[in-house]
Amino acid sequence: MTGYAAVAVDTPRGRLSLELRAVNGRFLDLQFRIAEELRIHEPLLREMLGARLARGKIECRLQLTPGAAAARRVALNADALAQLARLAGEAKGALPDAAPLRVADILRWPGVMADDAPSEAETREQVEQLATQGLDELIAARAREGAKLADAIRTRVAEMRQRVAEAAPLVPQAIAAYQEKIAQRLRDALGATDDDRVRAELALFGTRVDVDEELTRLGTHLDEVLRVLGQRGPAGKRLDFLAQELNREANTLASKAASQGLADAALALKLLVEQMREQVQNIE
């Protein structure tokens, strides 16, 4: 199913934004476009998306836009500076001829510069919260589309039920009419005295063109489609399988049709099944 969600939050580092786009797909395909400074959070996003999404091609964009308020405030660490001065004094006592520390050396000393930029742990927490919010919006959007697709499939199921109901009474009529036609041809070819041969051929023909079983299975599959649609959770793969079975039965019905009416009903069923399959491909 398709869906879109965009969320953002202001952080000390700038504006952190997450964008999720989903298009139809039979399997889960995750694609990430993440700013280099945020690349460390890709495994987290991959895990969160994989846990809540089952199908579709998902594009995830994570960006950080620095703002005026995100300028880093840097100051000297008084404690580290005092410790460095003490160490410098001890070194001077041990090595009187040693050159004194330069300002550049002091500023490069680990811990002397105090930076108020948020830690990676804080950024990870912000990314996780943003991803949760974005996934909630994306799943809600996909659920709305899924409800519409389910209604469309139910409409197709109702139409298929009507075609099956119309085809059922045609079966005995078609078999009887066609058997009479075949019987007359067999009598003309074999002679009126070979009635046993004629009856055997008609019985074989009746078995081959009897589609009661196919019509019954069609009704059973349609019942299962409605049952699956009424359940919670992913249903796309199950519906895809049922659509294949419906198509198989419709093809058999077409191949065994003993009248134009049955052939037309089978063709209409195949068209409706194909329309249903197109919708099913979009359901998670």
Protein backbone atom coordinates (compact mmCIF):
# COMPACT_ATOMS: atom_id res chain seq x y z
CA MET A 1 0.00 0.00 0.00
CA THR A 2 1.10 3.55 -0.56
CA GLY A 3 1.57 6.04 2.24
CA TYR A 4 3.50 9.12 3.27
CA ALA A 5 4.60 10.63 6.56
CA ALA A 6 6.86 13.57 7.42
CA VAL A 7 7.83 14.56 10.96
CA ALA A 8 10.44 16.90 12.40
CA VAL A 9 11.74 18.17 15.72
CA ASP A 10 14.03 21.04 16.74
CA THR A 11 17.15 19.90 18.57
CA PRO A 12 20.27 21.68 19.88
CA ARG A 13 22.04 20.51 16.70
CA GLY A 14 19.35 21.84 14.36
CA ARG A 15 16.10 20.63 12.83
CA LEU A 16 15.93 16.85 12.66
CA SER A 17 13.46 15.66 10.00
CA LEU A 18 12.27 12.21 8.99
CA GLU A 19 10.33 11.41 5.81
CA LEU A 20 8.77 8.03 5.00
CA ARG A 21 7.38 7.12 1.58
CA ALA A 22 5.72 3.78 0.84
CA VAL A 23 4.68 2.36 -2.51
CA ASN A 24 3.26 -1.02 -3.46
CA GLY A 25 5.44 -4.10 -3.31
CA ARG A 26 5.01 -7.82 -2.68
CA PHE A 27 7.94 -7.88 -0.26
CA LEU A 28 9.54 -5.44 2.18
CA ASP A 29 12.20 -3.34 0.45
CA LEU A 30 13.84 -0.70 2.66
CA GLN A 31 15.84 2.14 1.13
CA PHE A 32 17.60 4.80 3.20
CA ARG A 33 18.77 8.31 2.34
CA ILE A 34 20.48 9.53 5.50
CA ALA A 35 22.76 12.48 6.13
CA GLU A 36 26.34 11.33 6.68
CA GLU A 37 26.51 12.65 10.24
CA LEU A 38 23.41 10.56 11.06
CA ARG A 39 24.44 7.37 9.26
CA ILE A 40 25.16 5.67 12.59
CA HIS A 41 21.41 5.53 13.24
CA GLU A 42 20.54 3.50 10.11
CA PRO A 43 20.53 0.12 11.95
CA LEU A 44 18.05 1.54 14.47
CA LEU A 45 15.73 2.76 11.71
CA ARG A 46 16.03 -0.52 9.79
CA GLU A 47 15.07 -2.48 12.90
CA MET A 48 12.10 -0.24 13.70
CA LEU A 49 10.73 -0.29 10.15
CA GLY A 50 11.18 -4.04 9.80
CA ALA A 51 9.35 -4.66 13.07
CA ARG A 52 6.20 -2.76 12.04
CA LEU A 53 6.02 -3.12 8.24
CA ALA A 54 5.64 -6.35 6.28
CA ARG A 55 5.31 -5.34 2.60
CA GLY A 56 6.06 -2.46 0.30
CA LYS A 57 8.96 -0.43 -1.02
CA ILE A 58 9.80 1.99 1.80
CA GLU A 59 12.02 5.03 1.35
CA CYS A 60 13.32 6.59 4.56
CA ARG A 61 14.98 10.03 4.57
CA LEU A 62 16.69 11.38 7.68
CA GLN A 63 18.17 14.89 7.54
CA LEU A 64 19.64 17.40 9.96
CA THR A 65 19.36 21.10 9.06
CA PRO A 66 21.55 23.31 11.26
CA GLY A 67 19.86 26.49 12.47
CA ALA A 68 21.00 29.75 14.00
CA ALA A 69 20.13 28.46 17.45
CA ALA A 70 22.16 25.33 16.84
CA ALA A 71 25.54 27.07 16.94
CA ARG A 72 27.84 25.22 19.30
CA ARG A 73 28.88 27.13 22.38
CA VAL A 74 32.47 26.29 23.25
CA ALA A 75 34.21 27.31 26.50
CA LEU A 76 37.27 26.36 28.51
CA ASN A 77 36.92 23.57 31.03
CA ALA A 78 38.22 25.15 34.25
CA ASP A 79 38.91 21.83 35.96
CA ALA A 80 40.81 20.40 33.00
CA LEU A 81 42.74 23.66 32.64
CA ALA A 82 43.74 23.61 36.31
CA GLN A 83 44.86 20.02 36.02
CA LEU A 84 46.89 20.83 32.94
CA ALA A 85 48.55 23.78 34.74
CA ARG A 86 49.50 21.52 37.64
CA LEU A 87 50.98 18.96 35.29
CA ALA A 88 52.85 21.67 33.39
CA GLY A 89 54.33 22.93 36.68
CA GLU A 90 55.49 19.46 37.65
CA ALA A 91 57.00 18.94 34.21
CA LYS A 92 58.80 22.29 34.43
CA GLY A 93 60.29 21.26 37.79
CA ALA A 94 61.54 18.01 36.33
CA LEU A 95 62.69 19.55 33.04
CA PRO A 96 63.71 23.20 33.65
CA ASP A 97 64.87 23.70 30.07
CA ALA A 98 61.59 22.49 28.53
CA ALA A 99 59.68 25.03 26.46
CA PRO A 100 56.46 26.30 28.04
CA LEU A 101 53.09 25.18 26.69
CA ARG A 102 51.74 27.24 23.85
CA VAL A 103 48.10 28.33 23.72
CA ALA A 104 47.49 26.04 20.73
CA ASP A 105 48.87 23.10 22.70
CA ILE A 106 46.59 23.91 25.63
CA LEU A 107 43.48 24.17 23.44
CA ARG A 108 44.26 20.79 21.82
CA TRP A 109 44.60 19.06 25.16
CA PRO A 110 41.76 16.52 25.63
CA GLY A 111 39.00 17.86 27.84
CA VAL A 112 40.15 21.49 27.92
CA MET A 113 37.45 22.62 25.47
CA ALA A 114 33.95 22.18 26.89
CA ASP A 115 31.31 21.59 24.16
CA ASP A 116 27.58 21.72 24.86
CA ALA A 117 26.66 19.72 21.71
CA PRO A 118 24.30 16.80 22.50
CA SER A 119 25.79 13.34 22.72
CA GLU A 120 25.10 10.57 20.21
CA ALA A 121 22.94 8.86 22.83
CA GLU A 122 20.71 11.93 23.00
CA THR A 123 20.52 12.13 19.23
CA ARG A 124 19.67 8.42 19.03
CA GLU A 125 16.80 8.94 21.45
CA GLN A 126 15.49 11.83 19.34
CA VAL A 127 15.75 9.73 16.15
CA GLU A 128 13.89 6.86 17.84
CA GLN A 129 11.06 9.14 18.98
CA LEU A 130 10.84 10.69 15.53
CA ALA A 131 10.76 7.29 13.83
CA THR A 132 8.00 6.09 16.15
CA GLN A 133 5.90 9.15 15.34
CA GLY A 134 6.56 8.82 11.61
CA LEU A 135 5.68 5.12 11.58
CA ASP A 136 2.44 5.81 13.44
CA GLU A 137 1.43 8.33 10.76
CA LEU A 138 2.53 6.08 7.87
CA ILE A 139 0.69 3.04 9.20
CA ALA A 140 -2.44 5.12 9.80
CA ALA A 141 -2.31 6.38 6.20
CA ARG A 142 -1.83 2.86 4.87
CA ALA A 143 -4.68 1.60 7.04
CA ARG A 144 -7.03 4.18 5.51
CA GLU A 145 -6.02 3.10 2.03
CA GLY A 146 -6.31 -0.56 3.05
CA ALA A 147 -9.91 -0.03 4.19
CA LYS A 148 -10.78 1.42 0.78
CA LEU A 149 -9.07 -1.48 -1.00
CA ALA A 150 -10.93 -3.97 1.19
CA ASP A 151 -14.24 -2.36 0.21
CA ALA A 152 -13.27 -2.61 -3.46
CA ILE A 153 -12.44 -6.31 -3.06
CA ARG A 154 -15.74 -6.96 -1.27
CA THR A 155 -17.51 -5.39 -4.24
CA ARG A 156 -15.67 -7.74 -6.60
CA VAL A 157 -16.55 -10.71 -4.38
CA ALA A 158 -20.25 -9.76 -4.49
CA GLU A 159 -20.09 -9.55 -8.29
CA MET A 160 -18.37 -12.94 -8.50
CA ARG A 161 -20.99 -14.49 -6.24
CA GLN A 162 -23.66 -13.18 -8.61
CA ARG A 163 -21.88 -14.74 -11.61
CA VAL A 164 -21.59 -18.09 -9.81
CA ALA A 165 -25.29 -17.96 -8.86
CA GLU A 166 -26.21 -17.21 -12.46
CA ALA A 167 -24.00 -20.05 -13.77
CA ALA A 168 -25.28 -22.77 -11.41
CA PRO A 169 -28.73 -23.30 -13.01
CA LEU A 170 -27.17 -23.27 -16.48
CA VAL A 171 -25.14 -26.41 -15.82
CA PRO A 172 -27.86 -29.11 -16.02
CA GLN A 173 -29.55 -27.33 -18.92
CA ALA A 174 -26.29 -27.09 -20.84
CA ILE A 175 -25.37 -30.71 -20.19
CA ALA A 176 -28.81 -31.98 -21.21
CA ALA A 177 -28.89 -29.94 -24.43
CA TYR A 178 -25.36 -30.86 -25.41
CA GLN A 179 -25.88 -34.54 -24.58
CA GLU A 180 -28.93 -34.66 -26.84
CA LYS A 181 -26.95 -33.10 -29.63
CA ILE A 182 -24.04 -35.52 -29.16
CA ALA A 183 -26.40 -38.49 -28.83
CA GLN A 184 -27.99 -37.78 -32.18
CA ARG A 185 -24.58 -37.49 -33.82
CA LEU A 186 -23.42 -40.75 -32.25
CA ARG A 187 -26.57 -42.57 -33.37
CA ASP A 188 -26.07 -41.28 -36.88
CA ALA A 189 -22.45 -42.44 -36.82
CA LEU A 190 -22.80 -45.74 -34.93
CA GLY A 191 -26.32 -46.78 -35.85
CA ALA A 192 -29.45 -46.96 -33.76
CA THR A 193 -28.66 -50.47 -32.50
CA ASP A 194 -25.61 -49.46 -30.42
CA ASP A 195 -27.43 -47.68 -27.57
CA ASP A 196 -25.02 -48.99 -24.93
CA ARG A 197 -22.10 -47.32 -26.69
CA VAL A 198 -24.08 -44.10 -26.94
CA ARG A 199 -24.94 -44.12 -23.24
CA ALA A 200 -21.31 -44.80 -22.30
CA GLU A 201 -20.07 -41.91 -24.41
CA LEU A 202 -22.73 -39.59 -22.96
CA ALA A 203 -21.84 -40.57 -19.39
CA LEU A 204 -18.17 -39.86 -20.10
CA PHE A 205 -19.04 -36.54 -21.65
CA GLY A 206 -21.26 -35.61 -18.70
CA THR A 207 -18.40 -36.29 -16.28
CA ARG A 208 -16.02 -34.12 -18.25
CA VAL A 209 -18.28 -31.09 -18.48
CA ASP A 210 -19.81 -31.22 -15.00
CA VAL A 211 -18.72 -27.99 -13.26
CA ASP A 212 -20.62 -28.33 -9.98
CA GLU A 213 -17.36 -28.97 -8.16
CA GLU A 214 -15.72 -25.88 -9.63
CA LEU A 215 -18.72 -23.69 -8.71
CA THR A 216 -18.66 -25.07 -5.15
CA ARG A 217 -14.94 -24.35 -4.78
CA LEU A 218 -15.44 -20.84 -6.14
CA GLY A 219 -18.04 -20.18 -3.46
CA THR A 220 -15.74 -21.60 -0.76
CA HIS A 221 -12.82 -19.41 -1.87
CA LEU A 222 -15.04 -16.32 -1.92
CA ASP A 223 -16.15 -17.09 1.64
CA GLU A 224 -12.51 -17.32 2.66
CA VAL A 225 -11.69 -13.99 1.03
CA LEU A 226 -14.34 -12.27 3.14
CA ARG A 227 -13.13 -14.07 6.27
CA VAL A 228 -9.53 -12.93 5.69
CA LEU A 229 -10.65 -9.35 5.04
CA GLY A 230 -12.48 -9.36 8.37
CA GLN A 231 -9.37 -10.33 10.34
CA ARG A 232 -6.83 -7.99 11.84
CA GLY A 233 -3.21 -8.07 10.75
CA PRO A 234 -1.47 -8.62 7.39
CA ALA A 235 -3.68 -10.29 4.80
CA GLY A 236 -2.03 -9.57 1.45
CA LYS A 237 -0.19 -12.86 0.93
CA ARG A 238 -3.21 -14.95 1.92
CA LEU A 239 -5.46 -12.95 -0.41
CA ASP A 240 -2.93 -13.30 -3.21
CA PHE A 241 -3.04 -17.08 -2.81
CA LEU A 242 -6.85 -17.09 -2.82
CA ALA A 243 -6.88 -14.95 -5.96
CA GLN A 244 -4.68 -17.54 -7.69
CA GLU A 245 -7.07 -20.31 -6.66
CA LEU A 246 -10.08 -18.34 -7.89
CA ASN A 247 -8.34 -17.81 -11.21
CA ARG A 248 -7.58 -21.54 -11.45
CA GLU A 249 -11.23 -22.46 -10.90
CA ALA A 250 -12.42 -19.84 -13.38
CA ASN A 251 -10.03 -21.23 -16.01
CA THR A 252 -11.33 -24.77 -15.40
CA LEU A 253 -14.90 -23.54 -15.64
CA ALA A 254 -14.11 -21.92 -18.99
CA SER A 255 -12.44 -25.05 -20.37
CA LYS A 256 -15.40 -27.27 -19.36
CA ALA A 257 -18.18 -24.87 -20.37
CA ALA A 258 -20.82 -26.76 -22.34
CA SER A 259 -22.75 -23.69 -23.43
CA GLN A 260 -22.22 -20.11 -24.43
CA GLY A 261 -23.88 -18.95 -21.21
CA LEU A 262 -21.36 -20.85 -19.05
CA ALA A 263 -18.49 -19.62 -21.21
CA ASP A 264 -19.64 -16.02 -20.76
CA ALA A 265 -19.96 -16.52 -16.99
CA ALA A 266 -16.44 -17.98 -16.82
CA LEU A 267 -15.03 -15.07 -18.81
CA ALA A 268 -16.74 -12.55 -16.52
CA LEU A 269 -15.36 -14.38 -13.48
CA LYS A 270 -11.82 -14.30 -14.89
CA LEU A 271 -12.08 -10.56 -15.47
CA LEU A 272 -13.34 -9.95 -11.91
CA VAL A 273 -10.60 -12.17 -10.43
CA GLU A 274 -7.95 -10.26 -12.37
CA GLN A 275 -9.32 -6.96 -11.06
CA MET A 276 -9.24 -8.40 -7.55
CA ARG A 277 -5.64 -9.56 -7.98
CA GLU A 278 -4.59 -6.04 -8.96
CA GLN A 279 -6.08 -4.74 -5.72
CA VAL A 280 -4.62 -7.57 -3.62
CA GLN A 281 -1.09 -6.68 -4.76
CA ASN A 282 -1.49 -3.39 -2.89
CA ILE A 283 -2.62 -4.88 0.43
CA GLU A 284 -0.21 -5.64 3.22
